[in-house]
Protein backbone atom coordinates (compact mmCIF):
# COMPACT_ATOMS: atom_id res chain seq x y z
CA MET A 1 0.10 0.11 0.07
CA ASN A 2 1.26 3.32 -0.89
CA ALA A 3 1.75 6.15 1.70
CA ILE A 4 -0.21 9.28 0.84
CA ALA A 5 2.01 12.31 1.02
CA VAL A 6 0.62 15.03 3.50
CA GLU A 7 1.02 18.66 2.08
CA PRO A 8 2.29 20.63 5.32
CA SER A 9 -0.36 23.53 5.96
CA PRO A 10 0.51 27.14 5.11
CA LEU A 11 0.82 27.98 8.77
CA ALA A 12 3.49 25.10 9.11
CA ARG A 13 5.27 26.39 5.89
CA ARG A 14 5.41 29.77 7.57
CA ALA A 15 6.26 28.92 10.82
CA SER A 16 9.59 27.00 9.81
CA PRO A 17 11.17 29.85 8.23
CA VAL A 18 10.22 32.21 10.83
CA GLN A 19 12.29 30.12 13.44
CA THR A 20 15.21 30.47 10.65
CA TYR A 21 14.83 33.98 10.58
CA ALA A 22 15.01 34.38 14.31
CA LYS A 23 18.03 32.27 14.32
CA ILE A 24 19.75 34.50 11.83
CA ALA A 25 18.68 37.64 13.68
CA GLY A 26 20.32 35.98 17.00
CA VAL A 27 23.65 35.46 14.77
CA LEU A 28 23.64 38.97 13.34
CA LEU A 29 22.67 40.53 16.53
CA LEU A 30 25.82 38.91 18.26
CA LEU A 31 28.14 39.92 15.15
CA SER A 32 27.05 43.46 15.57
CA PHE A 33 27.58 43.47 19.27
CA ILE A 34 31.03 42.22 18.98
CA ALA A 35 31.94 44.35 15.94
CA GLY A 36 30.60 47.30 17.20
CA GLY A 37 31.72 47.26 20.41
CA PHE A 38 35.28 46.62 19.05
CA GLY A 39 34.96 49.34 16.58
CA GLU A 40 32.96 52.02 18.33
CA ALA A 41 34.39 51.63 22.09
CA TYR A 42 37.50 49.41 22.32
CA VAL A 43 39.57 50.92 19.56
CA PRO A 44 38.81 54.63 20.24
CA SER A 45 39.59 54.32 23.91
CA LYS A 46 43.00 52.73 23.16
CA LEU A 47 43.87 55.20 20.41
CA VAL A 48 42.34 58.79 21.27
CA VAL A 49 43.50 60.99 23.91
CA ALA A 50 40.83 63.85 24.40
CA THR A 51 43.21 66.50 25.48
CA ASP A 52 46.38 65.55 23.61
CA ALA A 53 46.56 65.59 19.88
CA ALA A 54 50.25 64.61 19.41
CA ALA A 55 49.73 61.64 21.63
CA THR A 56 46.55 60.80 19.46
CA VAL A 57 48.52 61.09 16.26
CA GLU A 58 51.36 58.88 17.57
CA ASN A 59 48.88 56.30 18.65
CA LEU A 60 47.40 56.35 15.18
CA LYS A 61 50.68 55.85 13.57
CA SER A 62 51.84 53.12 15.79
CA SER A 63 48.35 51.10 15.66
CA ASP A 64 47.47 51.91 12.25
CA ILE A 65 46.22 48.13 11.66
CA MET A 66 44.11 48.37 14.95
CA PHE A 67 42.69 51.87 13.60
CA ARG A 68 41.69 50.27 10.23
CA LEU A 69 40.08 47.20 12.05
CA GLY A 70 38.05 49.41 14.20
CA PHE A 71 36.59 51.02 10.97
CA ALA A 72 36.21 47.42 9.38
CA GLY A 73 34.46 46.50 12.81
CA TYR A 74 31.92 49.16 11.98
CA LEU A 75 31.31 48.04 8.42
CA VAL A 76 30.41 44.56 9.76
CA GLU A 77 28.15 46.06 12.46
CA ALA A 78 26.56 48.46 9.62
CA CYS A 79 25.81 45.43 7.38
CA CYS A 80 24.33 43.54 10.21
CA ASP A 81 22.08 46.37 11.15
CA ILE A 82 20.71 46.51 7.73
CA ALA A 83 19.80 43.26 7.51
CA LEU A 84 18.28 43.18 11.07
CA ALA A 85 15.98 45.75 9.94
CA LEU A 86 14.51 43.57 7.34
CA ILE A 87 14.41 40.64 9.74
CA PHE A 88 12.66 42.35 12.49
CA TYR A 89 10.26 43.85 10.06
CA VAL A 90 9.44 40.41 9.01
CA LEU A 91 9.21 38.92 12.54
CA LEU A 92 7.06 41.79 13.97
CA LYS A 93 4.88 42.43 11.05
CA PRO A 94 2.17 40.16 12.37
CA VAL A 95 1.51 42.52 15.19
CA HIS A 96 1.22 45.70 13.25
CA LYS A 97 2.58 45.81 9.52
CA TYR A 98 3.04 49.56 9.52
CA VAL A 99 4.55 50.27 13.00
CA SER A 100 7.06 47.37 11.89
CA LEU A 101 7.77 49.23 8.61
CA LEU A 102 8.19 52.44 10.48
CA ALA A 103 10.74 50.81 12.90
CA ALA A 104 12.72 49.48 10.11
CA PHE A 105 12.79 52.90 8.50
CA PHE A 106 14.05 54.52 11.99
CA GLY A 107 16.71 51.60 12.08
CA LEU A 108 17.97 52.46 8.56
CA ILE A 109 18.20 56.26 9.18
CA GLY A 110 20.16 55.44 12.35
CA THR A 111 22.55 53.16 10.36
CA ALA A 112 22.75 55.77 7.52
CA THR A 113 23.47 58.99 9.98
CA PHE A 114 26.17 56.91 12.11
CA ALA A 115 27.72 56.06 8.41
CA ALA A 116 28.11 59.76 8.01
CA ALA A 117 29.82 60.30 11.34
CA GLU A 118 32.04 57.47 10.55
CA LEU A 119 33.40 59.50 7.68
CA PHE A 120 35.11 61.69 10.42
CA TYR A 121 36.72 58.37 12.04
CA PHE A 122 38.54 57.64 8.82
CA ALA A 123 39.40 61.19 7.81
CA PRO A 124 42.71 61.56 9.81
CA THR A 125 44.22 58.86 7.33
CA LEU A 126 43.79 61.63 4.82
CA VAL A 127 44.84 64.44 7.13
CA LEU A 128 48.09 62.94 8.51
CA ARG A 129 49.48 62.29 4.91
CA GLY A 130 49.89 66.25 4.59
CA SER A 131 50.00 66.12 0.72
CA GLY A 132 48.88 68.47 -1.73
CA HIS A 133 46.90 71.28 -0.37
CA LEU A 134 47.34 70.09 3.36
CA ASN A 135 51.18 71.40 2.76
CA SER A 136 49.86 74.70 3.97
CA PHE A 137 49.18 73.54 7.28
CA SER A 138 52.05 72.84 10.09
CA PRO A 139 52.44 69.43 11.64
CA ASP A 140 50.81 70.46 14.83
CA GLN A 141 48.03 72.11 12.95
CA LEU A 142 47.61 68.68 11.02
CA LYS A 143 47.71 66.82 14.46
CA THR A 144 45.02 69.17 15.78
CA LEU A 145 42.86 68.70 12.67
CA ALA A 146 43.09 64.85 13.33
CA LEU A 147 41.98 64.93 16.82
CA LEU A 148 39.21 67.29 15.78
CA SER A 149 38.16 65.01 13.29
CA LEU A 150 37.93 62.01 15.82
CA LYS A 151 36.20 64.19 18.03
CA LEU A 152 33.45 65.05 15.46
CA PHE A 153 32.92 61.53 14.96
CA GLY A 154 32.36 61.10 18.50
CA LEU A 155 29.74 63.97 18.37
CA GLY A 156 28.13 62.85 15.23
CA ALA A 157 27.76 59.25 16.54
CA ALA A 158 25.73 60.44 19.49
CA ILE A 159 24.10 63.20 17.98
CA PHE A 160 21.47 61.36 15.91
CA THR A 161 20.78 58.43 18.20
CA VAL A 162 17.26 59.37 18.44
CA PHE A 163 16.61 57.44 15.38
CA TYR A 164 18.11 54.31 16.59
CA GLY A 165 16.20 54.69 19.89
CA MET A 166 12.91 55.36 18.01
CA GLY A 167 13.43 52.07 16.22
CA TRP A 168 13.93 50.19 19.31
CA VAL A 169 11.00 51.69 21.18
CA LEU A 170 8.90 50.61 18.32
CA ARG A 171 10.11 47.26 18.17
CA GLY A 172 9.86 46.80 21.87
CA TYR A 173 6.25 47.86 21.77
CA LEU A 174 5.54 45.13 19.08
CA MET A 175 7.50 42.52 20.93
CA PHE A 176 5.60 43.41 23.97
CA HIS A 177 2.21 42.89 22.33
CA SER A 178 3.23 40.12 19.97
CA GLY A 179 2.44 37.13 22.29
CA TYR A 180 5.39 35.20 20.67
CA PHE A 181 8.11 37.37 22.41
CA PRO A 182 8.50 37.46 26.04
CA LYS A 183 6.95 40.66 27.41
CA LEU A 184 9.96 41.48 29.51
CA LEU A 185 11.94 41.48 26.20
CA GLY A 186 9.76 44.16 24.76
CA VAL A 187 9.85 46.34 28.04
CA LEU A 188 13.67 46.13 28.06
CA MET A 189 14.12 47.29 24.55
CA GLU A 190 11.72 49.98 24.95
CA VAL A 191 13.76 51.04 27.83
CA ALA A 192 16.85 50.82 25.62
CA GLY A 193 15.33 52.95 23.10
CA LEU A 194 14.29 55.52 25.63
CA ALA A 195 17.76 55.84 26.93
CA PHE A 196 19.25 56.40 23.38
CA ILE A 197 16.26 59.21 22.90
CA VAL A 198 16.95 60.85 26.18
CA SER A 199 20.76 60.74 25.84
CA ASN A 200 20.48 62.37 22.39
CA PHE A 201 18.01 65.20 23.49
CA ALA A 202 20.40 65.92 26.40
CA LEU A 203 23.19 66.41 24.30
CA VAL A 204 21.57 68.65 22.08
CA LEU A 205 19.36 70.60 24.89
CA ALA A 206 21.68 70.48 27.97
CA PRO A 207 25.14 69.12 26.84
CA GLN A 208 26.48 70.36 30.47
CA TYR A 209 24.72 67.00 31.85
CA ARG A 210 26.89 64.05 30.56
CA LEU A 211 24.24 61.34 30.01
CA GLY A 212 26.08 59.13 27.55
CA TRP A 213 26.21 56.38 30.38
CA LEU A 214 22.41 55.84 29.69
CA LEU A 215 23.39 53.96 26.59
CA LEU A 216 24.49 51.16 28.63
CA ALA A 217 20.79 50.31 29.29
CA MET A 218 20.98 48.78 25.74
CA LEU A 219 23.03 45.85 27.11
CA PRO A 220 20.52 43.74 29.23
CA GLY A 221 17.95 43.79 26.53
CA SER A 222 20.33 43.14 23.58
CA LEU A 223 22.05 40.32 25.48
CA LEU A 224 18.71 38.77 26.52
CA MET A 225 17.51 39.15 22.79
CA THR A 226 20.50 37.49 21.27
CA VAL A 227 20.20 34.59 23.60
CA TRP A 228 16.51 34.26 23.23
CA LEU A 229 16.75 34.35 19.32
CA LEU A 230 19.27 31.92 19.26
CA ILE A 231 18.05 29.26 21.67
CA LYS A 232 14.12 29.77 21.66
CA GLY A 233 13.28 32.04 18.58
CA VAL A 234 9.79 32.64 18.45
CA ASP A 235 6.79 30.91 20.23
CA ARG A 236 5.66 28.91 17.46
CA PRO A 237 2.08 28.11 18.48
CA LYS A 238 1.65 31.89 19.20
CA TRP A 239 3.02 32.97 15.78
CA GLU A 240 0.67 30.59 14.03
CA GLU A 241 -2.02 31.95 16.02
CA LYS A 242 -1.00 35.52 15.20
CA THR A 243 -0.65 34.67 11.39
CA ALA A 244 -3.66 32.85 11.06
CA GLY A 245 -5.88 33.59 8.21
CA SER A 246 -3.00 36.44 6.85
CA ASN A 247 -1.13 35.92 3.60
CA LEU A 248 2.39 36.77 5.18
């Protein structure tokens, strides 16, 4: 007697890829966390001396490979963030299509504005060559320009974090109401997003208050989300319930 092949239901076909998307998101978050931490935090902390242009330039020259690896780390992070904008749109679309799309837009704008700031990170490689029209500057002036460029990178990286924050506030809201992500995860990501927004407006409106430490609020939620996506993914029955009757 021949066995009769049973076609998987549309819900089953949708549920299987979504777990793959979740695992990919977990891997990308991990890569983004490592590459971004290296390029945006570790490398600048080792090379940039905020009050000493000469020492900063000496560090750049003696650690050129590390400096360039820092920029490469950012490129890895940016590629991960662009892919994550799409994946989170897909994962959160069943909750509210347009809010999920708006969150993706905010995430992409955040990545784009940070990319503009990264130009100032890489600019000292051009400034310190001192060739062409830069010959009109003295060595000390070139060193000062290099340090100024790195400071502009730091400012540019911080002054547009509102876009990144808004993206995570919206995603946290959708996670909280999804049913297939833990509510705690949604709350943590909303808090992280709000921290980015508050830090950004404080920098613009009250620069005398140093609230950069608020960005550390991203750590608990991002770490928990990475682990959750890699191990658990989404709650499949709840996902199927949410997508029942839709054509996602």
